[in-house]
Amino acid sequence: MQRTRRELEAMTHEELVERILEMQDILREGLAVRDSLHHLLNDLLKAKSHEVEAYASAHPDELSHDDAELKALWAKARHAVSNPAGLLASQSDG
């Protein structure tokens, strides 16, 4: 639950410490989920490496609409594994 600055300032030291510990647990869980998804996506890319490579090397004009979408999705998957923060930044830019 998000708190306003006023609510946080009104909390006791003990309440603030407890809140920080809760946030650390939530962050730890989130990082574990991210790591699991990263490994899963990496395994998927390895298993589908021939398909990923074929789409990566295909010229967009030679692909159907559906195949062009797959090409873009495989590219995003590769980007997510190699540079997750860069992918997030590129998605927020446009």
N, C-alpha and C. Protein backbone atom coordinates (compact mmCIF):
# COMPACT_ATOMS: atom_id res chain seq x y z
N MET A 1 0.85 -1.18 0.00
CA MET A 1 0.00 0.00 0.00
C MET A 1 0.90 1.24 0.00
N GLN A 2 0.61 2.13 -0.88
CA GLN A 2 1.38 3.37 -0.94
C GLN A 2 0.88 4.34 0.12
N ARG A 3 1.82 5.05 0.65
CA ARG A 3 1.50 6.05 1.68
C ARG A 3 1.94 7.42 1.19
N THR A 4 1.24 8.42 1.64
CA THR A 4 1.63 9.78 1.30
C THR A 4 2.79 10.19 2.20
N ARG A 5 3.43 11.26 1.81
CA ARG A 5 4.54 11.79 2.64
C ARG A 5 4.04 12.12 4.04
N ARG A 6 2.88 12.72 4.11
CA ARG A 6 2.30 13.09 5.41
C ARG A 6 2.08 11.85 6.28
N GLU A 7 1.56 10.78 5.68
CA GLU A 7 1.34 9.54 6.43
C GLU A 7 2.67 8.95 6.93
N LEU A 8 3.68 8.97 6.05
CA LEU A 8 4.99 8.44 6.45
C LEU A 8 5.61 9.26 7.56
N GLU A 9 5.49 10.58 7.48
CA GLU A 9 6.05 11.45 8.52
C GLU A 9 5.36 11.24 9.87
N ALA A 10 4.10 10.81 9.83
CA ALA A 10 3.34 10.59 11.06
C ALA A 10 3.64 9.23 11.70
N MET A 11 4.31 8.34 10.98
CA MET A 11 4.60 7.02 11.51
C MET A 11 5.74 7.08 12.52
N THR A 12 5.69 6.14 13.46
CA THR A 12 6.77 6.04 14.44
C THR A 12 7.99 5.40 13.77
N HIS A 13 9.11 5.50 14.46
CA HIS A 13 10.34 4.88 13.95
C HIS A 13 10.13 3.37 13.74
N GLU A 14 9.50 2.73 14.72
CA GLU A 14 9.26 1.29 14.64
C GLU A 14 8.37 0.95 13.43
N GLU A 15 7.34 1.74 13.20
CA GLU A 15 6.46 1.51 12.04
C GLU A 15 7.22 1.68 10.73
N LEU A 16 8.09 2.68 10.68
CA LEU A 16 8.89 2.91 9.47
C LEU A 16 9.85 1.75 9.22
N VAL A 17 10.49 1.26 10.27
CA VAL A 17 11.40 0.13 10.12
C VAL A 17 10.63 -1.09 9.62
N GLU A 18 9.48 -1.34 10.19
CA GLU A 18 8.65 -2.47 9.75
C GLU A 18 8.25 -2.31 8.27
N ARG A 19 7.90 -1.11 7.90
CA ARG A 19 7.52 -0.84 6.50
C ARG A 19 8.70 -1.08 5.56
N ILE A 20 9.89 -0.67 5.95
CA ILE A 20 11.09 -0.88 5.13
C ILE A 20 11.36 -2.37 4.99
N LEU A 21 11.22 -3.11 6.07
CA LEU A 21 11.45 -4.56 6.01
C LEU A 21 10.43 -5.23 5.08
N GLU A 22 9.19 -4.80 5.12
CA GLU A 22 8.17 -5.32 4.21
C GLU A 22 8.54 -5.02 2.76
N MET A 23 9.00 -3.79 2.50
CA MET A 23 9.39 -3.41 1.14
C MET A 23 10.58 -4.22 0.65
N GLN A 24 11.52 -4.52 1.56
CA GLN A 24 12.67 -5.35 1.19
C GLN A 24 12.21 -6.75 0.79
N ASP A 25 11.24 -7.30 1.53
CA ASP A 25 10.71 -8.63 1.19
C ASP A 25 10.03 -8.60 -0.18
N ILE A 26 9.25 -7.56 -0.42
CA ILE A 26 8.56 -7.44 -1.70
C ILE A 26 9.58 -7.30 -2.83
N LEU A 27 10.60 -6.50 -2.62
CA LEU A 27 11.65 -6.32 -3.63
C LEU A 27 12.38 -7.64 -3.89
N ARG A 28 12.72 -8.36 -2.85
CA ARG A 28 13.41 -9.64 -2.97
C ARG A 28 12.56 -10.62 -3.79
N GLU A 29 11.26 -10.68 -3.51
CA GLU A 29 10.36 -11.56 -4.26
C GLU A 29 10.29 -11.14 -5.72
N GLY A 30 10.21 -9.85 -5.96
CA GLY A 30 10.15 -9.34 -7.33
C GLY A 30 11.41 -9.66 -8.11
N LEU A 31 12.56 -9.54 -7.46
CA LEU A 31 13.82 -9.86 -8.12
C LEU A 31 13.92 -11.36 -8.42
N ALA A 32 13.41 -12.18 -7.52
CA ALA A 32 13.42 -13.63 -7.75
C ALA A 32 12.53 -13.98 -8.94
N VAL A 33 11.38 -13.35 -9.05
CA VAL A 33 10.49 -13.58 -10.19
C VAL A 33 11.16 -13.12 -11.48
N ARG A 34 11.79 -11.95 -11.45
CA ARG A 34 12.50 -11.44 -12.63
C ARG A 34 13.60 -12.40 -13.06
N ASP A 35 14.37 -12.89 -12.10
CA ASP A 35 15.44 -13.82 -12.44
C ASP A 35 14.89 -15.11 -13.04
N SER A 36 13.81 -15.61 -12.48
CA SER A 36 13.19 -16.83 -13.02
C SER A 36 12.70 -16.61 -14.44
N LEU A 37 12.05 -15.49 -14.69
CA LEU A 37 11.56 -15.19 -16.04
C LEU A 37 12.72 -15.00 -17.02
N HIS A 38 13.80 -14.40 -16.55
CA HIS A 38 14.98 -14.20 -17.39
C HIS A 38 15.55 -15.56 -17.82
N HIS A 39 15.68 -16.48 -16.87
CA HIS A 39 16.20 -17.80 -17.18
C HIS A 39 15.25 -18.56 -18.12
N LEU A 40 13.96 -18.46 -17.87
CA LEU A 40 12.98 -19.12 -18.71
C LEU A 40 13.03 -18.59 -20.14
N LEU A 41 13.08 -17.29 -20.29
CA LEU A 41 13.14 -16.69 -21.62
C LEU A 41 14.44 -17.06 -22.33
N ASN A 42 15.53 -17.08 -21.60
CA ASN A 42 16.82 -17.47 -22.18
C ASN A 42 16.76 -18.92 -22.65
N ASP A 43 16.16 -19.80 -21.85
CA ASP A 43 16.01 -21.21 -22.26
C ASP A 43 15.14 -21.34 -23.50
N LEU A 44 14.07 -20.55 -23.56
CA LEU A 44 13.20 -20.56 -24.74
C LEU A 44 13.94 -20.12 -25.98
N LEU A 45 14.72 -19.06 -25.85
CA LEU A 45 15.50 -18.57 -26.99
C LEU A 45 16.51 -19.61 -27.46
N LYS A 46 17.12 -20.31 -26.53
CA LYS A 46 18.06 -21.37 -26.90
C LYS A 46 17.35 -22.51 -27.61
N ALA A 47 16.20 -22.92 -27.09
CA ALA A 47 15.44 -24.02 -27.69
C ALA A 47 14.93 -23.66 -29.09
N LYS A 48 14.63 -22.41 -29.30
CA LYS A 48 14.09 -21.96 -30.58
C LYS A 48 15.13 -21.20 -31.40
N SER A 49 16.40 -21.47 -31.16
CA SER A 49 17.48 -20.67 -31.76
C SER A 49 17.43 -20.65 -33.28
N HIS A 50 17.06 -21.77 -33.91
CA HIS A 50 17.01 -21.78 -35.38
C HIS A 50 15.89 -20.87 -35.89
N GLU A 51 14.75 -20.91 -35.22
CA GLU A 51 13.63 -20.05 -35.62
C GLU A 51 13.97 -18.58 -35.36
N VAL A 52 14.56 -18.31 -34.21
CA VAL A 52 14.94 -16.94 -33.86
C VAL A 52 15.93 -16.40 -34.89
N GLU A 53 16.92 -17.21 -35.23
CA GLU A 53 17.93 -16.79 -36.21
C GLU A 53 17.31 -16.56 -37.58
N ALA A 54 16.38 -17.43 -37.98
CA ALA A 54 15.73 -17.27 -39.29
C ALA A 54 14.96 -15.96 -39.36
N TYR A 55 14.22 -15.64 -38.31
CA TYR A 55 13.47 -14.38 -38.30
C TYR A 55 14.41 -13.18 -38.24
N ALA A 56 15.49 -13.30 -37.47
CA ALA A 56 16.43 -12.19 -37.34
C ALA A 56 17.08 -11.85 -38.68
N SER A 57 17.36 -12.87 -39.48
CA SER A 57 18.05 -12.63 -40.75
C SER A 57 17.09 -12.36 -41.91
N ALA A 58 15.80 -12.57 -41.71
CA ALA A 58 14.82 -12.36 -42.78
C ALA A 58 14.59 -10.87 -43.02
N HIS A 59 14.47 -10.51 -44.28
CA HIS A 59 14.17 -9.12 -44.64
C HIS A 59 12.68 -8.87 -44.40
N PRO A 60 12.33 -7.77 -43.74
CA PRO A 60 10.92 -7.50 -43.41
C PRO A 60 9.98 -7.51 -44.61
N ASP A 61 10.47 -7.08 -45.77
CA ASP A 61 9.61 -7.04 -46.95
C ASP A 61 9.25 -8.43 -47.45
N GLU A 62 10.01 -9.44 -47.06
CA GLU A 62 9.77 -10.81 -47.51
C GLU A 62 8.83 -11.56 -46.57
N LEU A 63 8.42 -10.95 -45.49
CA LEU A 63 7.61 -11.63 -44.49
C LEU A 63 6.15 -11.22 -44.57
N SER A 64 5.29 -12.17 -44.22
CA SER A 64 3.87 -11.86 -44.08
C SER A 64 3.70 -10.96 -42.85
N HIS A 65 2.52 -10.42 -42.70
CA HIS A 65 2.25 -9.56 -41.54
C HIS A 65 2.49 -10.32 -40.24
N ASP A 66 1.98 -11.56 -40.15
CA ASP A 66 2.15 -12.36 -38.94
C ASP A 66 3.62 -12.67 -38.68
N ASP A 67 4.36 -13.02 -39.75
CA ASP A 67 5.78 -13.31 -39.59
C ASP A 67 6.58 -12.07 -39.20
N ALA A 68 6.18 -10.92 -39.70
CA ALA A 68 6.85 -9.67 -39.31
C ALA A 68 6.63 -9.39 -37.83
N GLU A 69 5.42 -9.70 -37.34
CA GLU A 69 5.16 -9.53 -35.91
C GLU A 69 6.00 -10.50 -35.09
N LEU A 70 6.13 -11.74 -35.58
CA LEU A 70 6.98 -12.71 -34.88
C LEU A 70 8.43 -12.26 -34.87
N LYS A 71 8.89 -11.71 -35.98
CA LYS A 71 10.27 -11.19 -36.05
C LYS A 71 10.47 -10.13 -34.97
N ALA A 72 9.53 -9.22 -34.86
CA ALA A 72 9.64 -8.15 -33.86
C ALA A 72 9.58 -8.71 -32.44
N LEU A 73 8.74 -9.70 -32.20
CA LEU A 73 8.63 -10.29 -30.86
C LEU A 73 9.89 -11.05 -30.47
N TRP A 74 10.46 -11.80 -31.43
CA TRP A 74 11.72 -12.50 -31.14
C TRP A 74 12.83 -11.48 -30.87
N ALA A 75 12.82 -10.38 -31.59
CA ALA A 75 13.83 -9.34 -31.36
C ALA A 75 13.69 -8.76 -29.95
N LYS A 76 12.44 -8.53 -29.52
CA LYS A 76 12.21 -8.01 -28.17
C LYS A 76 12.66 -9.03 -27.13
N ALA A 77 12.41 -10.31 -27.39
CA ALA A 77 12.82 -11.36 -26.45
C ALA A 77 14.34 -11.39 -26.32
N ARG A 78 15.04 -11.29 -27.45
CA ARG A 78 16.51 -11.26 -27.42
C ARG A 78 17.00 -10.03 -26.66
N HIS A 79 16.37 -8.90 -26.90
CA HIS A 79 16.74 -7.65 -26.22
C HIS A 79 16.49 -7.77 -24.71
N ALA A 80 15.37 -8.38 -24.35
CA ALA A 80 15.03 -8.53 -22.93
C ALA A 80 16.06 -9.36 -22.19
N VAL A 81 16.60 -10.39 -22.85
CA VAL A 81 17.59 -11.24 -22.21
C VAL A 81 18.94 -10.53 -22.15
N SER A 82 19.29 -9.84 -23.22
CA SER A 82 20.62 -9.22 -23.27
C SER A 82 20.70 -7.89 -22.52
N ASN A 83 19.59 -7.15 -22.48
CA ASN A 83 19.62 -5.82 -21.87
C ASN A 83 18.21 -5.43 -21.40
N PRO A 84 17.73 -6.02 -20.30
CA PRO A 84 16.37 -5.75 -19.84
C PRO A 84 16.08 -4.28 -19.59
N ALA A 85 17.04 -3.58 -19.00
CA ALA A 85 16.82 -2.15 -18.71
C ALA A 85 16.72 -1.36 -20.02
N GLY A 86 17.52 -1.72 -21.01
CA GLY A 86 17.45 -1.05 -22.31
C GLY A 86 16.12 -1.29 -23.00
N LEU A 87 15.58 -2.48 -22.87
CA LEU A 87 14.27 -2.78 -23.46
C LEU A 87 13.19 -1.92 -22.81
N LEU A 88 13.22 -1.84 -21.49
CA LEU A 88 12.23 -1.02 -20.78
C LEU A 88 12.34 0.44 -21.20
N ALA A 89 13.56 0.93 -21.33
CA ALA A 89 13.75 2.32 -21.73
C ALA A 89 13.24 2.55 -23.15
N SER A 90 13.49 1.61 -24.05
CA SER A 90 13.05 1.78 -25.44
C SER A 90 11.53 1.72 -25.54
N GLN A 91 10.88 0.92 -24.67
CA GLN A 91 9.43 0.84 -24.69
C GLN A 91 8.79 2.12 -24.12
N SER A 92 9.44 2.73 -23.16
CA SER A 92 8.87 3.95 -22.58
C SER A 92 9.08 5.15 -23.48
N ASP A 93 10.08 5.07 -24.38
CA ASP A 93 10.33 6.16 -25.32
C ASP A 93 9.30 6.22 -26.43
N GLY A 94 8.70 5.13 -26.74
CA GLY A 94 7.76 5.22 -27.85
C GLY A 94 7.00 4.01 -27.98
